[in-house]
Protein backbone atom coordinates (compact mmCIF):
# COMPACT_ATOMS: atom_id res chain seq x y z
CA LYS A 1 19.28 -79.34 204.36
CA GLY A 2 16.42 -81.49 203.08
CA LEU A 3 18.50 -83.25 200.33
CA GLN A 4 21.31 -83.77 202.76
CA GLY A 5 18.66 -85.19 205.32
CA LEU A 6 17.44 -87.59 202.83
CA LEU A 7 21.09 -89.01 202.00
CA ARG A 8 21.18 -89.76 205.79
CA GLN A 9 18.18 -92.23 205.58
CA GLY A 10 18.76 -95.76 204.24
CA TRP A 11 17.56 -95.20 200.59
CA SER A 12 18.41 -97.85 197.96
CA PRO A 13 21.83 -97.22 196.38
CA THR A 14 20.02 -95.84 193.51
CA SER A 15 18.03 -93.29 195.16
CA GLN A 16 20.67 -92.53 197.29
CA GLU A 17 22.83 -91.41 194.22
CA ARG A 18 20.03 -90.04 192.41
CA VAL A 19 19.40 -87.46 195.60
CA ARG A 20 23.22 -87.11 195.77
CA SER A 21 23.12 -86.03 192.10
CA LYS A 22 20.50 -83.48 192.98
CA LEU A 23 22.31 -82.07 195.89
CA MET A 24 25.13 -81.64 193.90
CA ASP A 25 23.20 -79.58 191.11
CA VAL A 26 22.14 -77.54 193.89
CA LEU A 27 24.96 -76.76 195.68
CA LEU A 28 27.28 -76.13 192.31
CA ALA A 29 24.61 -73.51 191.35
CA HIS A 30 23.99 -71.86 194.33
CA GLY A 31 25.86 -73.29 196.95
CA SER A 32 28.99 -71.66 199.18
CA GLY A 33 32.62 -72.94 198.92
CA SER A 34 32.39 -74.33 202.73
CA GLU A 35 29.14 -76.02 201.66
CA ILE A 36 30.46 -77.78 198.53
CA ARG A 37 33.98 -78.61 200.84
CA ALA A 38 31.55 -80.31 203.18
CA LEU A 39 29.61 -82.41 200.61
CA VAL A 40 33.06 -83.52 199.48
CA SER A 41 34.11 -84.14 202.60
CA ASN A 42 31.73 -86.83 203.15
CA TRP A 43 32.25 -88.43 199.98
CA LEU A 44 35.76 -89.18 201.19
CA SER A 45 34.52 -90.75 204.36
CA GLU A 46 32.14 -92.46 202.44
CA PRO A 47 32.83 -96.26 203.43
CA GLY A 48 33.51 -98.43 200.29
CA ILE A 49 33.84 -95.63 197.49
CA SER A 50 36.06 -96.93 195.36
CA ARG A 51 38.86 -94.55 194.24
CA LYS A 52 37.37 -94.13 190.40
CA ALA A 53 33.72 -93.32 191.73
CA LEU A 54 35.55 -90.94 193.90
CA ALA A 55 37.13 -89.54 191.22
CA ASP A 56 34.29 -88.97 188.96
CA ARG A 57 32.54 -87.42 191.84
CA LEU A 58 35.25 -84.92 191.86
CA ASN A 59 35.53 -84.45 188.65
CA SER A 60 31.89 -83.42 188.17
CA ALA A 61 31.96 -81.51 190.93
CA GLY A 62 34.81 -79.40 189.70
CA TYR A 63 33.91 -79.32 186.02
CA GLY A 64 30.38 -78.32 187.19
CA LEU A 65 32.03 -75.41 189.01
CA VAL A 66 33.95 -74.08 186.49
CA ASP A 67 32.08 -74.95 183.27
CA GLN A 68 29.43 -72.27 184.43
CA GLN A 69 28.98 -68.57 183.10
CA PRO A 70 30.78 -67.08 184.78
CA PRO A 71 32.80 -69.87 186.44
CA ARG A 72 31.91 -70.22 189.82
CA LEU A 73 35.03 -70.69 192.46
CA PRO A 74 37.40 -71.91 190.12
CA MET A 75 39.59 -72.07 192.53
CA LEU A 76 37.88 -74.68 194.48
CA ALA A 77 37.12 -76.04 191.16
CA GLU A 78 40.84 -76.65 190.14
CA SER A 79 41.17 -78.22 193.74
CA LEU A 80 38.95 -81.02 193.43
CA LEU A 81 39.79 -81.64 190.15
CA ALA A 82 43.54 -81.83 191.19
CA GLN A 83 42.28 -84.60 193.96
CA ALA A 84 40.74 -86.22 190.83
CA LEU A 85 43.19 -86.37 189.40
CA THR A 86 45.35 -88.15 191.79
CA LEU A 87 42.65 -90.53 191.88
CA ASP A 88 42.42 -91.72 188.64
CA ALA A 89 44.44 -89.55 185.62
CA THR A 90 42.33 -89.91 182.38
CA PRO A 91 42.16 -88.06 179.80
CA ALA A 92 38.42 -86.58 180.68
CA ILE A 93 39.60 -85.64 183.96
CA LEU A 94 42.77 -84.01 182.63
CA ASP A 95 40.60 -81.92 180.21
CA SER A 96 38.24 -80.84 183.48
CA HIS A 97 41.58 -79.62 184.95
CA ALA A 98 42.80 -77.94 182.05
CA TRP A 99 39.52 -76.05 182.21
CA ALA A 100 40.13 -75.14 185.35
CA LEU A 101 43.48 -73.64 185.04
CA HIS A 102 42.41 -71.99 181.83
CA ALA A 103 39.67 -70.14 183.95
CA LEU A 104 42.27 -69.06 186.29
CA GLY A 105 44.00 -67.61 183.72
CA ARG A 106 46.97 -70.38 183.99
CA HIS A 107 46.93 -70.86 179.87
CA ASP A 108 50.04 -72.34 179.34
CA GLN A 109 49.45 -75.20 182.11
CA ALA A 110 46.24 -75.87 180.65
CA LEU A 111 47.16 -76.22 177.33
CA SER A 112 50.13 -78.95 178.03
CA GLU A 113 47.34 -80.59 180.36
CA LEU A 114 44.86 -80.53 177.16
CA ASP A 115 47.58 -81.58 174.89
CA ALA A 116 48.52 -84.81 177.40
CA ALA A 117 44.28 -85.44 177.61
CA ILE A 118 44.34 -85.54 173.68
CA GLU A 119 46.99 -88.18 173.80
CA GLY A 120 45.60 -90.00 176.34
CA PHE A 121 42.21 -89.93 174.14
CA HIS A 122 44.31 -91.42 171.19
CA GLN A 123 46.25 -94.12 173.00
CA ARG A 124 42.79 -95.49 174.64
CA CYS A 125 40.68 -95.06 171.90
CA GLU A 126 37.80 -96.10 173.35
CA PRO A 127 34.01 -95.82 171.39
CA ASP A 128 32.64 -93.76 174.18
CA ASP A 129 35.18 -91.19 174.29
CA GLU A 130 34.47 -89.31 170.80
CA GLY A 131 31.94 -86.65 172.47
CA MET A 132 34.89 -86.21 175.28
CA TYR A 133 37.21 -85.84 172.48
CA GLN A 134 35.47 -83.32 170.45
CA GLU A 135 35.11 -81.20 173.86
CA THR A 136 38.62 -81.44 174.57
CA LEU A 137 39.88 -80.00 171.10
CA THR A 138 37.11 -77.31 171.40
CA HIS A 139 38.84 -76.00 174.94
CA ARG A 140 42.11 -76.72 173.27
CA ALA A 141 41.11 -74.09 170.68
CA GLN A 142 39.78 -71.66 173.29
CA VAL A 143 43.18 -72.29 175.55
CA LEU A 144 45.45 -71.37 172.22
CA ALA A 145 42.63 -68.37 171.58
CA ALA A 146 43.46 -66.74 174.97
CA LEU A 147 47.64 -67.41 174.55
CA GLY A 148 46.66 -65.38 171.49
CA ARG A 149 47.29 -68.00 168.94
CA SER A 150 44.38 -67.29 166.75
CA GLU A 151 45.43 -69.26 163.84
CA GLU A 152 46.01 -72.42 165.54
CA ALA A 153 43.02 -72.10 167.42
CA LEU A 154 41.30 -71.98 164.09
CA GLN A 155 43.01 -74.40 162.87
CA GLN A 156 42.29 -76.73 165.57
CA GLU A 157 38.82 -77.78 164.09
CA GLY A 158 40.79 -79.78 161.35
CA HIS A 159 42.79 -81.73 164.01
CA GLY A 160 39.92 -83.40 165.06
CA ALA A 161 38.74 -85.12 161.85
CA PRO A 162 41.23 -87.78 161.96
CA ALA A 163 40.88 -89.24 165.65
CA PRO A 164 37.80 -91.41 164.81
CA LYS A 165 39.32 -92.65 162.10
CA ALA A 166 42.74 -93.54 163.65
CA CYS A 167 41.17 -95.08 166.58
CA ALA A 168 39.23 -97.32 164.37
CA GLU A 169 42.23 -98.55 162.81
CA THR A 170 44.01 -98.78 166.08
CA ARG A 171 40.68 -100.65 167.50
CA ASP A 172 41.04 -103.10 164.52
CA GLN A 173 44.82 -103.44 165.03
CA ARG A 174 44.19 -104.68 168.89
CA PHE A 175 41.30 -106.80 167.67
CA LEU A 176 43.72 -108.53 164.81
CA SER A 177 46.49 -108.58 167.47
CA GLY A 178 43.84 -110.60 169.73
CA GLU A 179 44.45 -107.72 172.61
CA LEU A 180 40.47 -107.25 172.24
């Protein structure tokens, strides 16, 4: 409640973001589903928040819940991440949503979304995506294992290696064609 009170005060945007982040961390670790929903409701009614910023917050909250061991409130996490996808269907958000589906035992759907996320990373080829790309490959291997496809899961490691080279080549082609 103290952190929520701080948010209502007229602090600078940077200070408010720090308090919001700390509040989210506390709620994800210890809060109830209704407390988390109330925080998200405040985000949805926040004046001037961009779709991307809202999607990023929903992604952080949803993934923060489902990435705990054991996952906390996976149905709420999936709901938050589904909302994030409607706002900004980036490969990172697809990965997060797939991870929530996996936590709910919906492995086939998770695998489909992870494949879409991997394809999205290949199309974007952004230098900052490498860590997320590798995490998505790890998630894919874990989902494959959950589906009983252990051999394919073990081979997943080898699929990650070509991406940086392929992305570098794609960026080079974009540069040479004048796109970048």
